[in-house]
Amino acid sequence: MKSSLIGKHTSVAEVSGITKHGVWLFVKGNEYFLPFEDFPWFKEATVAAILHLIFLHDRHLNWPDLDVDLELESLQHPGKYPLTYKLHTTSKKIQSKSI
């Protein structure tokens, strides 16, 4: 016998988990993993800041406490959005570069 879910899932976008490797998101019925290696903004963030996710216009993910914005499309088709993140050891300055 299988148990069925009662009611409807009300959250369209939510953080479903945080591990030592990254953040799991559940968005519009799909699950996405954001590894800290590729999304370093979350690595030193508080749990409260990571959980404070706002989903706008059915396509825009926003973490206002972290000043982080991601388009859902960039998670669905990461090859179209080759964002690289590098820590320059000479200046110790963090830079993001779109290729």
Protein backbone atom coordinates (compact mmCIF):
# COMPACT_ATOMS: atom_id res chain seq x y z
CA MET A 1 0.00 0.00 0.00
CA LYS A 2 1.28 3.42 -0.93
CA SER A 3 0.63 6.54 1.07
CA SER A 4 -0.63 9.44 -0.96
CA LEU A 5 0.15 13.05 -0.30
CA ILE A 6 -2.70 15.06 1.10
CA GLY A 7 -3.14 18.53 -0.32
CA LYS A 8 -1.02 20.42 -2.76
CA HIS A 9 2.62 21.50 -2.49
CA THR A 10 2.28 25.23 -1.85
CA SER A 11 5.87 26.39 -2.24
CA VAL A 12 7.01 26.91 -5.82
CA ALA A 13 10.64 27.48 -4.80
CA GLU A 14 12.41 26.50 -1.60
CA VAL A 15 15.78 25.49 -0.24
CA SER A 16 15.37 21.78 0.38
CA GLY A 17 18.78 21.13 1.89
CA ILE A 18 22.19 22.49 2.78
CA THR A 19 25.24 20.21 2.94
CA LYS A 20 28.95 20.78 3.33
CA HIS A 21 29.15 20.64 -0.48
CA GLY A 22 26.36 22.98 -1.50
CA VAL A 23 22.70 23.94 -1.50
CA TRP A 24 19.73 21.93 -2.79
CA LEU A 25 16.80 23.81 -4.29
CA PHE A 26 13.33 22.56 -5.16
CA VAL A 27 11.84 24.82 -7.83
CA LYS A 28 8.62 24.23 -9.76
CA GLY A 29 8.79 20.46 -9.22
CA ASN A 30 12.49 20.08 -10.07
CA GLU A 31 15.49 19.73 -7.81
CA TYR A 32 18.77 21.58 -8.41
CA PHE A 33 22.12 21.33 -6.66
CA LEU A 34 24.25 24.47 -6.32
CA PRO A 35 27.77 23.36 -5.35
CA PHE A 36 29.77 25.85 -3.32
CA GLU A 37 32.58 25.51 -5.87
CA ASP A 38 30.33 27.09 -8.52
CA PHE A 39 28.15 29.20 -6.20
CA PRO A 40 30.61 30.45 -3.54
CA TRP A 41 28.24 33.18 -2.31
CA PHE A 42 26.46 30.56 -0.21
CA LYS A 43 29.49 28.91 1.39
CA GLU A 44 29.99 31.32 4.31
CA ALA A 45 26.37 32.47 4.48
CA THR A 46 24.16 31.81 7.47
CA VAL A 47 21.46 29.20 7.21
CA ALA A 48 18.83 31.91 7.71
CA ALA A 49 20.23 33.93 4.78
CA ILE A 50 20.25 30.88 2.49
CA LEU A 51 16.71 29.93 3.48
CA HIS A 52 15.46 33.47 2.79
CA LEU A 53 14.71 32.75 -0.88
CA ILE A 54 12.24 34.80 -2.91
CA PHE A 55 10.93 33.51 -6.25
CA LEU A 56 9.82 36.29 -8.59
CA HIS A 57 8.06 36.32 -11.95
CA ASP A 58 8.08 32.51 -12.19
CA ARG A 59 11.76 32.56 -13.23
CA HIS A 60 13.89 34.68 -10.90
CA LEU A 61 15.52 33.40 -7.67
CA ASN A 62 16.57 36.08 -5.20
CA TRP A 63 18.40 35.88 -1.87
CA PRO A 64 18.02 39.46 -0.59
CA ASP A 65 20.20 38.95 2.49
CA LEU A 66 23.09 37.79 0.27
CA ASP A 67 22.47 40.11 -2.70
CA VAL A 68 22.38 37.03 -4.97
CA ASP A 69 20.12 36.73 -8.01
CA LEU A 70 19.83 33.74 -10.34
CA GLU A 71 17.59 33.11 -13.30
CA LEU A 72 15.93 29.70 -13.22
CA GLU A 73 17.04 29.19 -16.83
CA SER A 74 20.70 29.28 -15.69
CA LEU A 75 20.02 26.25 -13.49
CA GLN A 76 17.99 24.44 -16.15
CA HIS A 77 20.59 25.05 -18.91
CA PRO A 78 23.93 25.82 -17.23
CA GLY A 79 25.86 25.43 -20.50
CA LYS A 80 24.24 28.61 -21.79
CA TYR A 81 25.52 30.55 -18.77
CA PRO A 82 29.24 29.84 -18.36
CA LEU A 83 29.87 32.03 -15.32
CA THR A 84 33.30 31.48 -13.85
CA TYR A 85 34.39 32.45 -10.38
CA LYS A 86 38.02 32.98 -9.56
CA LEU A 87 39.95 34.11 -6.52
CA HIS A 88 43.02 35.96 -7.75
CA THR A 89 45.86 35.08 -5.41
CA THR A 90 47.94 38.15 -6.26
CA SER A 91 45.32 40.69 -5.30
CA LYS A 92 43.12 38.40 -3.20
CA LYS A 93 40.22 40.03 -5.00
CA ILE A 94 37.23 37.99 -6.06
CA GLN A 95 36.09 38.46 -9.62
CA SER A 96 33.30 36.99 -11.69
CA LYS A 97 33.74 36.79 -15.40
CA SER A 98 31.22 35.80 -18.03
CA ILE A 99 32.77 34.02 -20.98
